[in-house]
């Protein structure tokens, strides 16, 4: 399958690196790269990697020209978390006949937050016979797909609880900035008020789980609070003083009547103790899963995107969520 990478920030460049590594399997090939950064345009994308290589694939800012000049099966799209600011990029890909796998968090389950945009994307995708899906580690796996998969052996499900604790100090710089590492509590409140701060996608994960279980939620309760550091923590990018914000505690509950049937609890801060991912299904039988050490989000996001390439390419046309695709699994790997 021929792949175009759309957006080469930290995640996009790691996606390029992974695709190039998998080219030796003969199952995937990088044929184009799109980005608007003037410092990257015109360069061989391989020269932008930490360990430079010659690829012959030149970065271009003209998305339409790239998509017209190559035979592309799937676009791996990594440009923005917010759907309303970039959905025209998805529409362009569809119009050029390319399936899209995107890391845009709001695309993972866009039907409540952006119903009109979702309808437009679905219509365009069906018109041009392509699939468009949003995925990643969270949303896209750790706090939705993993939980839905856990219910697959339950005859009855009464409640689902999902928790994720992430040591943001081990993650990339943009994520540490996104959770407010090192800022004051007052700055946190200001950023929170914008509605575009912290983790994007928790509500989408809640709605995906509810939809997957066929539950119609009557209400939801969401909270975003700062985690205040009790010690000085130094990361490669920030210094978090004692008393400063270390990150976020973000939670959401979905209710049927007065009963909280789905609970998602995310703690993402530098210096977090006991990182883990956990799912508890209250049902028959009860299921209690834990990933010790947690799912490392930076590499897992890349894996989720690349592994979704063949699934999107073989799916029925339209706007999809990851729960609509076949079981996620590794793609183009070689046993060692």
Protein backbone atom coordinates (compact mmCIF):
# COMPACT_ATOMS: atom_id res chain seq x y z
CA UNK A 1 0.00 0.00 0.00
CA UNK A 2 1.19 3.46 -0.92
CA UNK A 3 1.06 5.97 1.94
CA UNK A 4 1.23 9.75 2.11
CA UNK A 5 2.12 11.36 5.43
CA UNK A 6 0.12 14.57 6.04
CA UNK A 7 1.79 16.57 8.81
CA UNK A 8 5.29 15.95 10.14
CA UNK A 9 5.39 17.26 13.66
CA UNK A 10 6.83 14.91 16.32
CA UNK A 11 4.14 12.27 15.75
CA UNK A 12 4.21 12.63 11.97
CA UNK A 13 7.98 12.22 11.81
CA UNK A 14 7.81 9.11 13.97
CA UNK A 15 5.11 7.79 11.65
CA UNK A 16 7.43 8.40 8.68
CA UNK A 17 10.24 6.58 10.49
CA UNK A 18 8.00 3.58 11.20
CA UNK A 19 6.68 3.39 7.64
CA UNK A 20 10.22 3.52 6.27
CA UNK A 21 11.27 0.73 8.64
CA UNK A 22 8.37 -1.42 7.44
CA UNK A 23 9.03 -0.86 3.73
CA UNK A 24 11.33 -3.89 3.70
CA UNK A 25 8.29 -6.13 4.25
CA UNK A 26 6.97 -5.17 0.83
CA UNK A 27 3.56 -4.34 2.32
CA UNK A 28 3.84 -0.58 2.64
CA UNK A 29 5.64 2.29 0.91
CA UNK A 30 5.97 6.01 1.62
CA UNK A 31 5.21 7.98 -1.56
CA UNK A 32 4.57 11.54 -0.37
CA UNK A 33 4.85 13.95 2.56
CA UNK A 34 2.87 17.14 3.20
CA UNK A 35 3.65 19.91 5.70
CA UNK A 36 3.42 23.71 5.89
CA UNK A 37 6.59 24.34 7.92
CA UNK A 38 8.89 26.45 5.70
CA UNK A 39 11.90 24.88 7.41
CA UNK A 40 10.84 21.44 6.15
CA UNK A 41 9.42 22.20 2.69
CA UNK A 42 11.68 21.09 -0.16
CA UNK A 43 13.75 18.72 1.96
CA UNK A 44 14.03 14.96 1.74
CA UNK A 45 11.85 13.85 4.66
CA UNK A 46 14.48 11.30 5.65
CA UNK A 47 16.90 14.12 6.36
CA UNK A 48 14.54 15.40 9.08
CA UNK A 49 14.75 12.21 11.12
CA UNK A 50 17.01 11.85 14.15
CA UNK A 51 19.05 9.36 12.12
CA UNK A 52 18.95 10.85 8.60
CA UNK A 53 18.40 8.63 5.57
CA UNK A 54 17.87 9.27 1.86
CA UNK A 55 14.29 8.51 0.81
CA UNK A 56 13.75 10.56 -2.34
CA UNK A 57 10.43 11.73 -0.86
CA UNK A 58 10.41 15.52 -0.75
CA UNK A 59 8.26 17.50 1.68
CA UNK A 60 5.67 19.69 -0.06
CA UNK A 61 3.18 22.25 1.20
CA UNK A 62 0.82 21.65 -1.75
CA UNK A 63 -1.43 18.86 -0.52
CA UNK A 64 -3.56 18.75 -3.66
CA UNK A 65 -0.51 18.48 -5.89
CA UNK A 66 1.00 15.67 -3.83
CA UNK A 67 -2.23 13.67 -3.79
CA UNK A 68 -2.63 14.12 -7.55
CA UNK A 69 0.97 13.25 -8.42
CA UNK A 70 1.21 9.87 -6.68
CA UNK A 71 -0.82 6.68 -6.54
CA UNK A 72 -1.93 6.78 -2.88
CA UNK A 73 -3.95 4.22 -0.97
CA UNK A 74 -3.95 5.75 2.52
CA UNK A 75 -3.07 9.14 4.02
CA UNK A 76 -1.74 9.11 7.57
CA UNK A 77 -2.97 12.44 8.88
CA UNK A 78 -1.36 14.10 11.95
CA UNK A 79 -2.01 17.84 11.95
CA UNK A 80 -4.45 18.95 14.69
CA UNK A 81 -6.53 17.76 17.63
CA UNK A 82 -9.48 19.94 16.66
CA UNK A 83 -11.76 18.86 13.85
CA UNK A 84 -13.34 22.22 13.04
CA UNK A 85 -9.96 23.72 12.15
CA UNK A 86 -8.82 21.08 9.66
CA UNK A 87 -11.66 18.92 8.36
CA UNK A 88 -11.15 20.47 4.91
CA UNK A 89 -7.86 18.52 4.82
CA UNK A 90 -9.82 15.28 5.24
CA UNK A 91 -12.29 16.33 2.55
CA UNK A 92 -9.42 17.03 0.14
CA UNK A 93 -7.93 13.58 0.76
CA UNK A 94 -11.29 11.95 0.12
CA UNK A 95 -11.81 13.93 -3.08
CA UNK A 96 -8.44 12.65 -4.31
CA UNK A 97 -9.54 9.07 -3.66
CA UNK A 98 -7.40 8.45 -0.56
CA UNK A 99 -8.45 6.63 2.59
CA UNK A 100 -7.46 8.52 5.75
CA UNK A 101 -6.18 7.37 9.12
CA UNK A 102 -5.99 10.44 11.38
CA UNK A 103 -4.70 11.20 14.87
CA UNK A 104 -7.22 14.05 15.27
CA UNK A 105 -8.73 13.30 18.66
CA UNK A 106 -12.09 14.92 17.93
CA UNK A 107 -12.44 12.72 14.83
CA UNK A 108 -12.40 9.54 16.92
CA UNK A 109 -16.11 9.98 17.70
CA UNK A 110 -17.26 13.30 16.20
CA UNK A 111 -21.01 12.78 16.11
CA UNK A 112 -21.90 14.76 19.25
CA UNK A 113 -19.32 17.56 19.20
CA UNK A 114 -19.38 18.16 15.43
CA UNK A 115 -22.51 16.53 13.97
CA UNK A 116 -22.63 18.64 10.80
CA UNK A 117 -18.94 18.17 10.05
CA UNK A 118 -19.28 14.44 10.68
CA UNK A 119 -22.19 14.26 8.27
CA UNK A 120 -20.23 16.13 5.60
CA UNK A 121 -17.14 13.95 5.99
CA UNK A 122 -19.23 10.79 5.84
CA UNK A 123 -21.00 11.96 2.69
CA UNK A 124 -17.77 12.92 0.92
CA UNK A 125 -16.07 9.66 1.90
CA UNK A 126 -18.97 7.62 0.55
CA UNK A 127 -19.13 9.68 -2.63
CA UNK A 128 -15.48 8.96 -3.42
CA UNK A 129 -15.43 5.40 -2.06
CA UNK A 130 -12.95 5.90 0.79
CA UNK A 131 -12.80 5.36 4.54
CA UNK A 132 -11.92 8.06 7.05
CA UNK A 133 -11.17 7.11 10.67
CA UNK A 134 -9.67 8.79 13.71
CA UNK A 135 -7.47 6.67 15.94
CA UNK A 136 -4.50 6.70 18.29
CA UNK A 137 -3.69 5.40 21.73
CA UNK A 138 -6.13 7.68 23.59
CA UNK A 139 -8.68 8.06 22.16
CA UNK A 140 -8.57 5.02 19.92
CA UNK A 141 -7.40 2.23 22.21
CA UNK A 142 -6.48 2.59 25.89
CA UNK A 143 -9.73 4.10 27.18
CA UNK A 144 -12.26 2.82 24.67
CA UNK A 145 -11.33 -0.06 22.34
CA UNK A 146 -9.52 -1.97 25.08
CA UNK A 147 -12.59 -1.68 27.32
CA UNK A 148 -15.01 -2.71 24.57
CA UNK A 149 -12.81 -5.70 23.75
CA UNK A 150 -12.84 -6.71 27.43
CA UNK A 151 -16.64 -6.94 27.36
CA UNK A 152 -16.51 -9.45 24.50
CA UNK A 153 -16.67 -12.41 26.94
CA UNK A 154 -19.37 -10.91 29.18
CA UNK A 155 -22.96 -12.09 28.95
CA UNK A 156 -24.05 -9.06 30.99
CA UNK A 157 -22.35 -5.71 31.57
CA UNK A 158 -23.57 -3.37 34.27
CA UNK A 159 -20.78 -0.82 34.59
CA UNK A 160 -17.37 -0.08 33.09
CA UNK A 161 -14.54 1.73 34.84
CA UNK A 162 -11.40 2.78 32.98
CA UNK A 163 -8.34 4.43 34.49
CA UNK A 164 -5.08 5.64 33.01
CA UNK A 165 -2.08 7.04 34.87
CA UNK A 166 0.66 8.49 32.66
CA UNK A 167 4.07 9.84 33.66
CA UNK A 168 4.09 12.81 31.29
CA UNK A 169 7.74 13.42 32.13
CA UNK A 170 8.66 10.54 29.87
CA UNK A 171 6.62 11.81 26.94
CA UNK A 172 7.32 14.24 24.12
CA UNK A 173 7.56 18.01 24.71
CA UNK A 174 4.19 18.98 23.12
CA UNK A 175 2.35 16.60 25.43
CA UNK A 176 4.10 17.96 28.53
CA UNK A 177 3.10 21.45 27.43
CA UNK A 178 -0.44 20.28 26.70
CA UNK A 179 -0.94 19.14 30.29
CA UNK A 180 0.55 22.35 31.68
CA UNK A 181 3.77 21.02 33.19
CA UNK A 182 5.46 23.80 35.13
CA UNK A 183 2.74 26.47 34.94
CA UNK A 184 0.97 28.04 37.92
CA UNK A 185 -2.51 27.13 39.15
CA UNK A 186 -3.71 30.54 37.92
CA UNK A 187 -2.35 29.90 34.42
CA UNK A 188 -4.01 26.48 34.49
CA UNK A 189 -7.39 28.09 35.22
CA UNK A 190 -6.92 30.54 32.34
CA UNK A 191 -6.00 27.79 29.90
CA UNK A 192 -8.86 25.60 31.09
CA UNK A 193 -11.31 28.40 30.35
CA UNK A 194 -10.40 28.29 26.65
CA UNK A 195 -11.89 24.79 26.29
CA UNK A 196 -8.89 23.70 24.24
CA UNK A 197 -6.50 22.77 27.03
CA UNK A 198 -5.58 19.42 28.54
CA UNK A 199 -6.48 16.05 27.10
CA UNK A 200 -8.70 16.12 24.03
CA UNK A 201 -10.84 13.07 23.41
CA UNK A 202 -12.02 11.84 26.81
CA UNK A 203 -15.64 12.63 26.01
CA UNK A 204 -15.24 10.96 22.63
CA UNK A 205 -13.97 7.78 24.35
CA UNK A 206 -16.94 7.82 26.74
CA UNK A 207 -19.42 8.13 23.89
CA UNK A 208 -17.67 5.42 21.86
CA UNK A 209 -17.88 2.95 24.75
CA UNK A 210 -21.53 3.79 25.35
CA UNK A 211 -22.35 3.43 21.67
CA UNK A 212 -20.44 0.16 21.45
CA UNK A 213 -22.46 -1.27 24.33
CA UNK A 214 -25.73 0.09 23.00
CA UNK A 215 -26.24 2.30 26.04
CA UNK A 216 -28.06 5.63 25.67
CA UNK A 217 -26.55 7.98 28.22
CA UNK A 218 -28.87 10.52 29.78
CA UNK A 219 -26.10 12.81 31.04
CA UNK A 220 -22.37 13.16 31.53
CA UNK A 221 -20.26 14.83 34.20
CA UNK A 222 -16.74 15.98 33.32
CA UNK A 223 -14.01 17.44 35.52
CA UNK A 224 -10.55 18.84 34.72
CA UNK A 225 -8.28 19.71 37.62
CA UNK A 226 -4.57 20.46 38.01
CA UNK A 227 -2.20 18.01 39.68
CA UNK A 228 0.06 20.08 41.92
CA UNK A 229 3.60 18.79 42.25
CA UNK A 230 4.75 17.85 45.76
CA UNK A 231 8.41 17.91 44.69
CA UNK A 232 10.73 19.43 42.14
CA UNK A 233 10.75 17.44 38.90
CA UNK A 234 13.09 18.07 35.96
CA UNK A 235 12.29 16.71 32.52
CA UNK A 236 14.33 17.17 29.33
CA UNK A 237 11.99 20.07 28.47
CA UNK A 238 10.59 21.63 31.67
CA UNK A 239 11.39 22.16 35.31
CA UNK A 240 8.38 21.71 37.57
CA UNK A 241 8.88 23.32 40.94
CA UNK A 242 7.17 22.10 44.09
CA UNK A 243 3.75 23.76 44.19
CA UNK A 244 3.57 24.22 40.42
CA UNK A 245 1.27 22.32 38.09
CA UNK A 246 2.63 18.89 37.20
CA UNK A 247 -0.21 17.97 34.85
CA UNK A 248 -3.89 17.11 34.76
CA UNK A 249 -6.49 14.96 36.43
CA UNK A 250 -9.28 14.61 33.90
CA UNK A 251 -12.36 12.49 34.49
CA UNK A 252 -15.78 11.92 32.99
CA UNK A 253 -18.78 9.86 34.02
CA UNK A 254 -21.64 8.75 31.82
CA UNK A 255 -25.02 8.29 33.50
CA UNK A 256 -28.18 6.36 32.79
CA UNK A 257 -30.57 8.11 35.12
CA UNK A 258 -28.68 8.56 38.37
CA UNK A 259 -26.41 5.56 37.82
CA UNK A 260 -22.82 6.22 36.67
CA UNK A 261 -22.48 3.31 34.23
CA UNK A 262 -19.19 4.38 32.59
CA UNK A 263 -16.32 6.12 34.38
CA UNK A 264 -13.10 7.28 32.75
CA UNK A 265 -10.33 8.63 34.95
CA UNK A 266 -7.12 10.03 33.45
CA UNK A 267 -4.13 11.29 35.43
CA UNK A 268 -1.35 12.61 33.24
CA UNK A 269 1.45 14.48 34.99
CA UNK A 270 5.22 14.57 35.30
CA UNK A 271 6.57 12.34 38.04
CA UNK A 272 3.46 10.17 38.23
CA UNK A 273 3.79 7.12 40.45
CA UNK A 274 2.66 3.69 39.29
CA UNK A 275 1.83 4.42 35.63
CA UNK A 276 -0.75 1.94 34.37
CA UNK A 277 -3.80 1.37 32.23
CA UNK A 278 -6.72 -0.47 33.77
CA UNK A 279 -10.19 -1.63 32.79
CA UNK A 280 -12.76 -3.08 35.13
CA UNK A 281 -15.97 -4.52 33.73
CA UNK A 282 -18.69 -5.13 36.29
CA UNK A 283 -20.65 -7.93 34.71
CA UNK A 284 -20.89 -11.66 34.13
CA UNK A 285 -18.10 -12.58 34.45
CA UNK A 286 -16.33 -9.54 35.89
CA UNK A 287 -13.19 -8.58 33.98
CA UNK A 288 -10.22 -6.89 35.64
CA UNK A 289 -7.39 -5.88 33.29
CA UNK A 290 -4.24 -3.93 34.04
CA UNK A 291 -1.27 -2.97 31.87
CA UNK A 292 1.61 -2.62 34.29
CA UNK A 293 3.76 0.40 33.57
CA UNK A 294 1.07 1.70 31.24
CA UNK A 295 0.88 1.86 27.46
CA UNK A 296 3.63 4.24 26.34
CA UNK A 297 1.60 6.74 24.39
CA UNK A 298 4.11 8.15 21.92
CA UNK A 299 5.05 4.83 20.35
CA UNK A 300 1.55 3.41 20.80
CA UNK A 301 0.02 6.32 18.89
CA UNK A 302 2.30 5.59 15.93
CA UNK A 303 1.46 1.90 16.11
CA UNK A 304 -2.28 2.61 16.21
CA UNK A 305 -2.02 4.82 13.12
CA UNK A 306 0.16 2.49 11.06
CA UNK A 307 -1.73 -0.64 12.09
CA UNK A 308 -4.99 0.97 11.01
CA UNK A 309 -3.72 1.51 7.45
CA UNK A 310 -4.80 -1.87 6.02
CA UNK A 311 -8.00 -1.88 8.10
CA UNK A 312 -9.11 1.47 6.71
CA UNK A 313 -8.11 0.53 3.16
CA UNK A 314 -10.29 -2.60 3.25
CA UNK A 315 -13.34 -1.12 5.00
CA UNK A 316 -16.61 0.04 3.52
CA UNK A 317 -16.60 3.71 2.50
CA UNK A 318 -17.63 6.37 4.96
CA UNK A 319 -16.68 7.99 8.23
CA UNK A 320 -15.82 5.25 10.73
CA UNK A 321 -14.72 4.90 14.32
CA UNK A 322 -12.18 2.33 15.45
CA UNK A 323 -14.97 0.22 16.92
CA UNK A 324 -16.38 -0.11 13.39
CA UNK A 325 -13.12 -1.55 11.99
CA UNK A 326 -11.82 -5.11 12.43
CA UNK A 327 -9.87 -5.98 15.57
CA UNK A 328 -6.76 -3.75 15.74
CA UNK A 329 -3.57 -5.73 15.30
CA UNK A 330 0.05 -5.31 14.33
CA UNK A 331 0.77 -4.77 10.63
CA UNK A 332 3.89 -5.41 8.53
CA UNK A 333 5.96 -6.96 11.31
CA UNK A 334 8.71 -9.55 11.09
CA UNK A 335 9.14 -12.18 13.87
CA UNK A 336 12.57 -12.16 15.48
